Structure formats: C-alpha cells, structure tokens
Amino acid sequence: MTATVTPSSGHKTGDVEKTDNGGARGRRFPRIPDRIRQGGLPYLLLLPAVVLELLVHIIPMVIGIWVSFRQLTQFFIRNWGNSPSAGFDNYKVAIDFDAPIGQALLHSFLVTCAFTVLSVGLSWLLGVAAAIMLQENFRGRSILRTIFLVPYALPVYAAVITWAFMFQHDNGVINHILHDQLGLTDKPSFWLIGNNSFIALVIVSLWKSWPFAFLMLMAALQNIPRDLYEAASIDGAGIWQQIRKITLPSLRPVNQVLVLVLFLWTFNDFNTPYVLFGKSAPEAADLISIHIYQSSFVTWNFGSGSAMSVLLLLFLLLVTAIYLFITSRGRKGTDV
C-alpha cells in the first residue's frame, strides 16, 4: 500500500512551518531571496548611483566647506589636515570690496552676470525662433534639424578648441572673413585678449548652448494642438498674434525649467573660458569660475578659493529658491 501526502490548501511548497508537539502549526516565513527581491532589490539598484554621488559631489563639497575655514596654502599641502584654523577670515577677505581681493571677486561676479544674461537670453531667443520656424513642413526640414543639433552633440573641448583657432589674430578664419574678405574692420582684431575676449566668449557659449534650448522647445511645441492655430487663423489672428497668444503661454512650463537650467550651466561654466583663454583669462572675460580656479590652483590659497566657492554656491541656491518661488506663485495664479 502506498501512502500519498498532498499539501493542504493555502500552503506553498517550500514554506517553512514551525510545529510544537507534532501538530501545532506556527508562523510561516518567506524565503530570504524573496525578501531581498521584494524589499531590498530597489535599494541595491540605487546603491551604485548613491555611492558615486557621494564620491563625486557630496564628500568633495563637505571637504570644500571645511577647507574654507582653514588657512590652507602651499605651506600645508603635505599635511593639509593640520592647517591652522581661519574662522571666517577667508569669507571676510572675499567680501571686502574695498580690498584688492574683494574688488577682483566683485568684478568677476559682475562679468559673469553680464555673460550669463547675454548667453541665456540669446540662447532662448534663437531656440524659440528656430523651433517655431521648423514646425512647418517644408523640404529640407530634417536636414536643418540635424545641423542645428550638431553643436550640442560635439564634445565641448573639441568645439572650443576649434573656435580658439578660428579666433586667432594672424591666421584665424574670423579675421580672414571680416577683414580680408568683407573689409568690415581696418585691421585684424585680437579676439582672445582685451575687450573683444568678452564678445568671443559670448559667441562660443551661445553657439554650444542654444541647440539645447532649441531641442527642448521643439519637443514642447509638438504638444500644442494644431487646432488652436487653425481656429486663430480663421478668426483673423496673424503669425505674431498666434505666437504671443498661443505659443508663448503654452511654452511657459518648459521655459521655466529651461531658463533655470541654462542659468545654472552658464553661470558655472568653466570649460569654455578655460579652453579658450587658458589658466589666466583676460580681465574682460574673467568669469567667476576661472577666478576661483586662479585663487585656488595658481596662487595656492585653497582656503580663500574654497570660501569663494561656498559663496558662489550660496548665491546660486538663493537665486534658485527665489526663482522657483516666483514661478510657482505665477503658476498657481494661472491655475486659479
């Protein structure tokens, strides 16, 4: 006679049961791999990103804040942990606008503000114009879209090095076109020194940043129903009225994010001026990122440079908070 044992209903094969005195059933526990898969797997997948974020951003930022309160110069590089405390002296020197260091920092801050306003404003304007223009169907539209996105796809260093060659005084293509071919200037201009360096910096930044604005706005325009434009056209609205009454209000949520991202990228831009001018940028193009680099790695005053970096971080956080507060209030007002 063969006895067959069938599992009772409600019990899964492989579950562990606790029995007392050969009959009482206890609480069943799920398998350990099931626990990990159900509860711990998402955290395990996030762990590499968290570790990299700590190593690349959080830990260096905390160390930089600590260094800003130390007198860390070239004399304490070997034992930088034993550098003497400076308290708030580094911050006081940085914001003392009557002293040479504070005046230089203020000048760099104002140059950076002017550079950011021009670059962000022109990038947004070109992006809007190109996105609206390429919404209509015409032959060669796909080719133009591809060409417009080339500056965004190119590596930053390769693009800026190419512009640096183009801005050369003797054999640059810019002077060749403006002076030799068109005769618009009396003599070849120096684009990488003097006041022209600011113009060159804005041109390069605009060239590599406006395709991002174009890409974001072109994607946002796809979500605007064409029926709105057809109804407005039937009612007699011209192209400018359609842009002002339909396009720009519909793009407002995207513009709020786009302007903030462009502002943060441009204000913190280090690669463009560094590759274009080297370690010491001209006074007219002395952006605050290059100024902090010079204060830290050229004069070897890491405490002062770290204090300037912390002040820059606080400024960007303040501007971002004010901007988000204003835009959120405006969004709530339109929703009401």
Foldseek 3Di string as FASTA:
>chain_A
DDDDDDDDPPDDPPWDWDDDPPDDTDDTDDDPVVCCVVPVPVVVVCVVVVVCCCVPPVVVLVVLVVLLQFQFFPVCPVPSVPTHGNHCVLVVVCCPCVDPNVVLLVLQAVLLVVLLCLQLVLLLVVLVVLLVVLVDDDPCSVVVLVVLCVLQPDDLLVLLLLLLQLQDQPDHVVQCCCPVPVNVDPGGDRCQEDLNVSVSLSVSSNSNRSSVSNVLLNVLVVPFDVVVVVVCVVVPDDPVRCCVPPVVVSCVVVVLVSSLVSSVCSLQDDSNQCSNHNLDGYSSNNHSNSVLCCCCPVRRRSNSSSSSVVVVVVVSVVVVVVSVVVSVVVVVVVVD
